[in-house]
Amino acid sequence: MQALTFVRSQDCTLEEFVNGPLYDSNFDISGLDPSYPGRKQVSVSCRVGYSGFFKLLCVEGKWLSQGTRCQPI
């Protein structure tokens, strides 16, 4: 007899992002969801008066980043 096991990827949460080292207070996180499934890529905008390009990728319950921090215009 064989057992079938399902492995679900770990979610990443907004709380983990805000409390982690990738967070910048100049990000506009108002439109982000409370959590995202594994392998989900999320674009993060900068607050008004700042520019930048930042993407997050949820991998095994941890956020990986790509892009630049928000800089004053």
PDB file of N, CA and C in Angstrom:
ATOM      1  N   MET A   1       0.835  -1.172   0.000  1.00  0.00           N
ATOM      2  CA  MET A   1       0.000   0.000   0.000  1.00  0.00           C
ATOM      3  C   MET A   1       0.891   1.250   0.000  1.00  0.00           C
ATOM      4  N   GLN A   2       0.514   2.238  -0.783  1.00  0.00           N
ATOM      5  CA  GLN A   2       1.276   3.479  -0.866  1.00  0.00           C
ATOM      6  C   GLN A   2       0.452   4.637  -0.321  1.00  0.00           C
ATOM      7  N   ALA A   3       1.135   5.558   0.314  1.00  0.00           N
ATOM      8  CA  ALA A   3       0.461   6.749   0.833  1.00  0.00           C
ATOM      9  C   ALA A   3       0.745   7.916  -0.103  1.00  0.00           C
ATOM     10  N   LEU A   4      -0.260   8.699  -0.333  1.00  0.00           N
ATOM     11  CA  LEU A   4      -0.119   9.881  -1.167  1.00  0.00           C
ATOM     12  C   LEU A   4      -0.021  11.097  -0.252  1.00  0.00           C
ATOM     13  N   THR A   5       1.049  11.842  -0.397  1.00  0.00           N
ATOM     14  CA  THR A   5       1.267  13.008   0.456  1.00  0.00           C
ATOM     15  C   THR A   5       1.244  14.268  -0.395  1.00  0.00           C
ATOM     16  N   PHE A   6       0.480  15.242   0.054  1.00  0.00           N
ATOM     17  CA  PHE A   6       0.436  16.534  -0.618  1.00  0.00           C
ATOM     18  C   PHE A   6       1.325  17.509   0.140  1.00  0.00           C
ATOM     19  N   VAL A   7       2.158  18.205  -0.592  1.00  0.00           N
ATOM     20  CA  VAL A   7       3.024  19.209   0.015  1.00  0.00           C
ATOM     21  C   VAL A   7       2.546  20.574  -0.472  1.00  0.00           C
ATOM     22  N   ARG A   8       2.181  21.407   0.476  1.00  0.00           N
ATOM     23  CA  ARG A   8       1.705  22.740   0.141  1.00  0.00           C
ATOM     24  C   ARG A   8       2.809  23.740   0.438  1.00  0.00           C
ATOM     25  N   SER A   9       3.034  24.647  -0.491  1.00  0.00           N
ATOM     26  CA  SER A   9       4.062  25.657  -0.251  1.00  0.00           C
ATOM     27  C   SER A   9       3.608  26.591   0.868  1.00  0.00           C
ATOM     28  N   GLN A  10       4.575  27.140   1.572  1.00  0.00           N
ATOM     29  CA  GLN A  10       4.266  28.012   2.688  1.00  0.00           C
ATOM     30  C   GLN A  10       3.918  29.407   2.198  1.00  0.00           C
ATOM     31  N   ASP A  11       2.926  30.004   2.848  1.00  0.00           N
ATOM     32  CA  ASP A  11       2.517  31.360   2.519  1.00  0.00           C
ATOM     33  C   ASP A  11       3.472  32.374   3.135  1.00  0.00           C
ATOM     34  N   CYS A  12       3.462  33.578   2.587  1.00  0.00           N
ATOM     35  CA  CYS A  12       4.201  34.717   3.138  1.00  0.00           C
ATOM     36  C   CYS A  12       3.165  35.746   3.578  1.00  0.00           C
ATOM     37  N   THR A  13       3.417  36.403   4.685  1.00  0.00           N
ATOM     38  CA  THR A  13       2.440  37.360   5.193  1.00  0.00           C
ATOM     39  C   THR A  13       2.942  38.795   5.093  1.00  0.00           C
ATOM     40  N   LEU A  14       1.987  39.698   5.036  1.00  0.00           N
ATOM     41  CA  LEU A  14       2.298  41.124   5.037  1.00  0.00           C
ATOM     42  C   LEU A  14       2.967  41.506   6.350  1.00  0.00           C
ATOM     43  N   GLU A  15       2.515  40.924   7.441  1.00  0.00           N
ATOM     44  CA  GLU A  15       3.107  41.208   8.753  1.00  0.00           C
ATOM     45  C   GLU A  15       4.596  40.848   8.776  1.00  0.00           C
ATOM     46  N   GLU A  16       4.951  39.700   8.205  1.00  0.00           N
ATOM     47  CA  GLU A  16       6.367  39.300   8.145  1.00  0.00           C
ATOM     48  C   GLU A  16       7.181  40.290   7.319  1.00  0.00           C
ATOM     49  N   PHE A  17       6.594  40.785   6.231  1.00  0.00           N
ATOM     50  CA  PHE A  17       7.288  41.771   5.397  1.00  0.00           C
ATOM     51  C   PHE A  17       7.505  43.073   6.166  1.00  0.00           C
ATOM     52  N   VAL A  18       6.443  43.590   6.787  1.00  0.00           N
ATOM     53  CA  VAL A  18       6.520  44.870   7.507  1.00  0.00           C
ATOM     54  C   VAL A  18       7.490  44.792   8.685  1.00  0.00           C
ATOM     55  N   ASN A  19       7.570  43.650   9.336  1.00  0.00           N
ATOM     56  CA  ASN A  19       8.454  43.492  10.493  1.00  0.00           C
ATOM     57  C   ASN A  19       9.844  42.972  10.126  1.00  0.00           C
ATOM     58  N   GLY A  20      10.090  42.755   8.836  1.00  0.00           N
ATOM     59  CA  GLY A  20      11.367  42.194   8.399  1.00  0.00           C
ATOM     60  C   GLY A  20      12.321  43.240   7.841  1.00  0.00           C
ATOM     61  N   PRO A  21      13.500  42.789   7.425  1.00  0.00           N
ATOM     62  CA  PRO A  21      14.552  43.704   6.968  1.00  0.00           C
ATOM     63  C   PRO A  21      14.312  44.328   5.590  1.00  0.00           C
ATOM     64  N   LEU A  22      13.372  43.812   4.807  1.00  0.00           N
ATOM     65  CA  LEU A  22      13.133  44.351   3.468  1.00  0.00           C
ATOM     66  C   LEU A  22      12.216  45.565   3.465  1.00  0.00           C
ATOM     67  N   TYR A  23      11.508  45.774   4.550  1.00  0.00           N
ATOM     68  CA  TYR A  23      10.503  46.839   4.607  1.00  0.00           C
ATOM     69  C   TYR A  23      11.136  48.223   4.658  1.00  0.00           C
ATOM     70  N   ASP A  24      10.521  49.154   3.953  1.00  0.00           N
ATOM     71  CA  ASP A  24      10.926  50.558   3.929  1.00  0.00           C
ATOM     72  C   ASP A  24       9.664  51.366   4.238  1.00  0.00           C
ATOM     73  N   SER A  25       9.743  52.296   5.168  1.00  0.00           N
ATOM     74  CA  SER A  25       8.556  53.067   5.562  1.00  0.00           C
ATOM     75  C   SER A  25       8.016  53.930   4.421  1.00  0.00           C
ATOM     76  N   ASN A  26       8.754  54.050   3.332  1.00  0.00           N
ATOM     77  CA  ASN A  26       8.288  54.814   2.176  1.00  0.00           C
ATOM     78  C   ASN A  26       7.524  53.960   1.170  1.00  0.00           C
ATOM     79  N   PHE A  27       7.334  52.672   1.466  1.00  0.00           N
ATOM     80  CA  PHE A  27       6.488  51.820   0.636  1.00  0.00           C
ATOM     81  C   PHE A  27       5.022  52.132   0.921  1.00  0.00           C
ATOM     82  N   ASP A  28       4.191  52.014  -0.104  1.00  0.00           N
ATOM     83  CA  ASP A  28       2.743  52.127   0.062  1.00  0.00           C
ATOM     84  C   ASP A  28       2.195  50.703   0.085  1.00  0.00           C
ATOM     85  N   ILE A  29       1.884  50.217   1.273  1.00  0.00           N
ATOM     86  CA  ILE A  29       1.414  48.833   1.413  1.00  0.00           C
ATOM     87  C   ILE A  29      -0.108  48.747   1.546  1.00  0.00           C
ATOM     88  N   SER A  30      -0.796  49.874   1.333  1.00  0.00           N
ATOM     89  CA  SER A  30      -2.248  49.912   1.536  1.00  0.00           C
ATOM     90  C   SER A  30      -3.009  48.941   0.632  1.00  0.00           C
ATOM     91  N   GLY A  31      -2.491  48.629  -0.543  1.00  0.00           N
ATOM     92  CA  GLY A  31      -3.198  47.746  -1.458  1.00  0.00           C
ATOM     93  C   GLY A  31      -2.770  46.288  -1.393  1.00  0.00           C
ATOM     94  N   LEU A  32      -1.894  45.951  -0.453  1.00  0.00           N
ATOM     95  CA  LEU A  32      -1.405  44.575  -0.366  1.00  0.00           C
ATOM     96  C   LEU A  32      -2.338  43.703   0.464  1.00  0.00           C
ATOM     97  N   ASP A  33      -2.391  42.428   0.120  1.00  0.00           N
ATOM     98  CA  ASP A  33      -3.207  41.458   0.852  1.00  0.00           C
ATOM     99  C   ASP A  33      -2.492  41.022   2.130  1.00  0.00           C
ATOM    100  N   PRO A  34      -3.244  40.479   3.100  1.00  0.00           N
ATOM    101  CA  PRO A  34      -2.629  40.018   4.355  1.00  0.00           C
ATOM    102  C   PRO A  34      -1.641  38.873   4.162  1.00  0.00           C
ATOM    103  N   SER A  35      -1.854  38.029   3.132  1.00  0.00           N
ATOM    104  CA  SER A  35      -0.918  36.929   2.877  1.00  0.00           C
ATOM    105  C   SER A  35      -0.951  36.555   1.399  1.00  0.00           C
ATOM    106  N   TYR A  36       0.120  35.878   0.978  1.00  0.00           N
ATOM    107  CA  TYR A  36       0.268  35.448  -0.411  1.00  0.00           C
ATOM    108  C   TYR A  36       0.782  34.017  -0.433  1.00  0.00           C
ATOM    109  N   PRO A  37       0.331  33.230  -1.420  1.00  0.00           N
ATOM    110  CA  PRO A  37       0.805  31.846  -1.525  1.00  0.00           C
ATOM    111  C   PRO A  37       2.239  31.787  -2.028  1.00  0.00           C
ATOM    112  N   GLY A  38       2.870  30.660  -1.790  1.00  0.00           N
ATOM    113  CA  GLY A  38       4.229  30.449  -2.270  1.00  0.00           C
ATOM    114  C   GLY A  38       4.331  30.649  -3.769  1.00  0.00           C
ATOM    115  N   ARG A  39       5.458  31.172  -4.210  1.00  0.00           N
ATOM    116  CA  ARG A  39       5.784  31.448  -5.608  1.00  0.00           C
ATOM    117  C   ARG A  39       5.020  32.639  -6.189  1.00  0.00           C
ATOM    118  N   LYS A  40       4.314  33.365  -5.343  1.00  0.00           N
ATOM    119  CA  LYS A  40       3.590  34.550  -5.801  1.00  0.00           C
ATOM    120  C   LYS A  40       4.532  35.745  -5.825  1.00  0.00           C
ATOM    121  N   GLN A  41       4.500  36.509  -6.912  1.00  0.00           N
ATOM    122  CA  GLN A  41       5.303  37.727  -7.027  1.00  0.00           C
ATOM    123  C   GLN A  41       4.386  38.918  -6.794  1.00  0.00           C
ATOM    124  N   VAL A  42       4.851  39.878  -6.002  1.00  0.00           N
ATOM    125  CA  VAL A  42       4.055  41.036  -5.617  1.00  0.00           C
ATOM    126  C   VAL A  42       4.845  42.308  -5.911  1.00  0.00           C
ATOM    127  N   SER A  43       4.211  43.265  -6.567  1.00  0.00           N
ATOM    128  CA  SER A  43       4.829  44.574  -6.794  1.00  0.00           C
ATOM    129  C   SER A  43       4.431  45.509  -5.662  1.00  0.00           C
ATOM    130  N   VAL A  44       5.404  46.256  -5.152  1.00  0.00           N
ATOM    131  CA  VAL A  44       5.159  47.185  -4.053  1.00  0.00           C
ATOM    132  C   VAL A  44       5.423  48.597  -4.561  1.00  0.00           C
ATOM    133  N   SER A  45       4.441  49.466  -4.402  1.00  0.00           N
ATOM    134  CA  SER A  45       4.574  50.858  -4.835  1.00  0.00           C
ATOM    135  C   SER A  45       5.232  51.700  -3.754  1.00  0.00           C
ATOM    136  N   CYS A  46       5.718  52.857  -4.174  1.00  0.00           N
ATOM    137  CA  CYS A  46       6.261  53.830  -3.225  1.00  0.00           C
ATOM    138  C   CYS A  46       5.166  54.836  -2.870  1.00  0.00           C
ATOM    139  N   ARG A  47       5.289  55.431  -1.708  1.00  0.00           N
ATOM    140  CA  ARG A  47       4.357  56.480  -1.301  1.00  0.00           C
ATOM    141  C   ARG A  47       4.511  57.684  -2.234  1.00  0.00           C
ATOM    142  N   VAL A  48       3.495  58.560  -2.224  1.00  0.00           N
ATOM    143  CA  VAL A  48       3.524  59.786  -3.015  1.00  0.00           C
ATOM    144  C   VAL A  48       4.755  60.599  -2.625  1.00  0.00           C
ATOM    145  N   GLY A  49       5.468  61.090  -3.624  1.00  0.00           N
ATOM    146  CA  GLY A  49       6.675  61.875  -3.385  1.00  0.00           C
ATOM    147  C   GLY A  49       7.951  61.054  -3.433  1.00  0.00           C
ATOM    148  N   TYR A  50       7.808  59.740  -3.677  1.00  0.00           N
ATOM    149  CA  TYR A  50       8.961  58.838  -3.748  1.00  0.00           C
ATOM    150  C   TYR A  50       8.874  58.030  -5.030  1.00  0.00           C
ATOM    151  N   SER A  51      10.016  57.588  -5.520  1.00  0.00           N
ATOM    152  CA  SER A  51      10.028  56.725  -6.698  1.00  0.00           C
ATOM    153  C   SER A  51      10.918  55.521  -6.419  1.00  0.00           C
ATOM    154  N   GLY A  52      10.646  54.468  -7.141  1.00  0.00           N
ATOM    155  CA  GLY A  52      11.419  53.252  -6.976  1.00  0.00           C
ATOM    156  C   GLY A  52      10.686  52.081  -7.587  1.00  0.00           C
ATOM    157  N   PHE A  53      11.313  50.946  -7.584  1.00  0.00           N
ATOM    158  CA  PHE A  53      10.765  49.737  -8.181  1.00  0.00           C
ATOM    159  C   PHE A  53      11.105  48.585  -7.249  1.00  0.00           C
ATOM    160  N   PHE A  54      10.102  47.940  -6.706  1.00  0.00           N
ATOM    161  CA  PHE A  54      10.358  46.891  -5.737  1.00  0.00           C
ATOM    162  C   PHE A  54       9.384  45.749  -5.963  1.00  0.00           C
ATOM    163  N   LYS A  55       9.912  44.548  -6.074  1.00  0.00           N
ATOM    164  CA  LYS A  55       9.083  43.349  -6.192  1.00  0.00           C
ATOM    165  C   LYS A  55       9.471  42.379  -5.099  1.00  0.00           C
ATOM    166  N   LEU A  56       8.475  41.663  -4.612  1.00  0.00           N
ATOM    167  CA  LEU A  56       8.684  40.618  -3.620  1.00  0.00           C
ATOM    168  C   LEU A  56       8.291  39.291  -4.237  1.00  0.00           C
ATOM    169  N   LEU A  57       9.006  38.248  -3.880  1.00  0.00           N
ATOM    170  CA  LEU A  57       8.670  36.900  -4.315  1.00  0.00           C
ATOM    171  C   LEU A  57       8.596  36.029  -3.076  1.00  0.00           C
ATOM    172  N   CYS A  58       7.469  35.349  -2.897  1.00  0.00           N
ATOM    173  CA  CYS A  58       7.283  34.460  -1.749  1.00  0.00           C
ATOM    174  C   CYS A  58       7.863  33.089  -2.092  1.00  0.00           C
ATOM    175  N   VAL A  59       8.877  32.678  -1.341  1.00  0.00           N
ATOM    176  CA  VAL A  59       9.521  31.378  -1.555  1.00  0.00           C
ATOM    177  C   VAL A  59       9.630  30.665  -0.215  1.00  0.00           C
ATOM    178  N   GLU A  60       8.922  29.549  -0.095  1.00  0.00           N
ATOM    179  CA  GLU A  60       8.974  28.731   1.121  1.00  0.00           C
ATOM    180  C   GLU A  60       8.735  29.541   2.394  1.00  0.00           C
ATOM    181  N   GLY A  61       7.763  30.441   2.345  1.00  0.00           N
ATOM    182  CA  GLY A  61       7.395  31.215   3.528  1.00  0.00           C
ATOM    183  C   GLY A  61       8.287  32.401   3.819  1.00  0.00           C
ATOM    184  N   LYS A  62       9.203  32.713   2.903  1.00  0.00           N
ATOM    185  CA  LYS A  62      10.111  33.853   3.098  1.00  0.00           C
ATOM    186  C   LYS A  62      10.037  34.775   1.886  1.00  0.00           C
ATOM    187  N   TRP A  63      10.168  36.069   2.148  1.00  0.00           N
ATOM    188  CA  TRP A  63      10.156  37.055   1.081  1.00  0.00           C
ATOM    189  C   TRP A  63      11.557  37.254   0.511  1.00  0.00           C
ATOM    190  N   LEU A  64      11.675  37.212  -0.811  1.00  0.00           N
ATOM    191  CA  LEU A  64      12.895  37.585  -1.519  1.00  0.00           C
ATOM    192  C   LEU A  64      12.578  38.871  -2.272  1.00  0.00           C
ATOM    193  N   SER A  65      13.575  39.726  -2.462  1.00  0.00           N
ATOM    194  CA  SER A  65      13.299  41.022  -3.083  1.00  0.00           C
ATOM    195  C   SER A  65      14.080  41.235  -4.368  1.00  0.00           C
ATOM    196  N   GLN A  66      13.545  42.166  -5.169  1.00  0.00           N
ATOM    197  CA  GLN A  66      14.196  42.597  -6.394  1.00  0.00           C
ATOM    198  C   GLN A  66      13.811  44.060  -6.590  1.00  0.00           C
ATOM    199  N   GLY A  67      14.749  44.888  -6.986  1.00  0.00           N
ATOM    200  CA  GLY A  67      14.440  46.285  -7.250  1.00  0.00           C
ATOM    201  C   GLY A  67      15.184  47.217  -6.324  1.00  0.00           C
ATOM    202  N   THR A  68      14.710  48.454  -6.279  1.00  0.00           N
ATOM    203  CA  THR A  68      15.370  49.481  -5.479  1.00  0.00           C
ATOM    204  C   THR A  68      14.442  50.016  -4.404  1.00  0.00           C
ATOM    205  N   ARG A  69      15.025  50.538  -3.362  1.00  0.00           N
ATOM    206  CA  ARG A  69      14.244  51.177  -2.300  1.00  0.00           C
ATOM    207  C   ARG A  69      13.634  52.469  -2.831  1.00  0.00           C
ATOM    208  N   CYS A  70      12.622  52.958  -2.160  1.00  0.00           N
ATOM    209  CA  CYS A  70      11.979  54.214  -2.533  1.00  0.00           C
ATOM    210  C   CYS A  70      12.895  55.387  -2.195  1.00  0.00           C
ATOM    211  N   GLN A  71      13.046  56.285  -3.158  1.00  0.00           N
ATOM    212  CA  GLN A  71      13.894  57.468  -2.999  1.00  0.00           C
ATOM    213  C   GLN A  71      13.046  58.724  -3.201  1.00  0.00           C
ATOM    214  N   PRO A  72      13.348  59.807  -2.466  1.00  0.00           N
ATOM    215  CA  PRO A  72      12.599  61.057  -2.682  1.00  0.00           C
ATOM    216  C   PRO A  72      12.746  61.532  -4.128  1.00  0.00           C
ATOM    217  N   ILE A  73      11.681  62.081  -4.661  1.00  0.00           N
ATOM    218  CA  ILE A  73      11.699  62.597  -6.036  1.00  0.00           C
ATOM    219  C   ILE A  73      12.364  63.964  -6.039  1.00  0.00           C
TER     220      ILE A  73
END
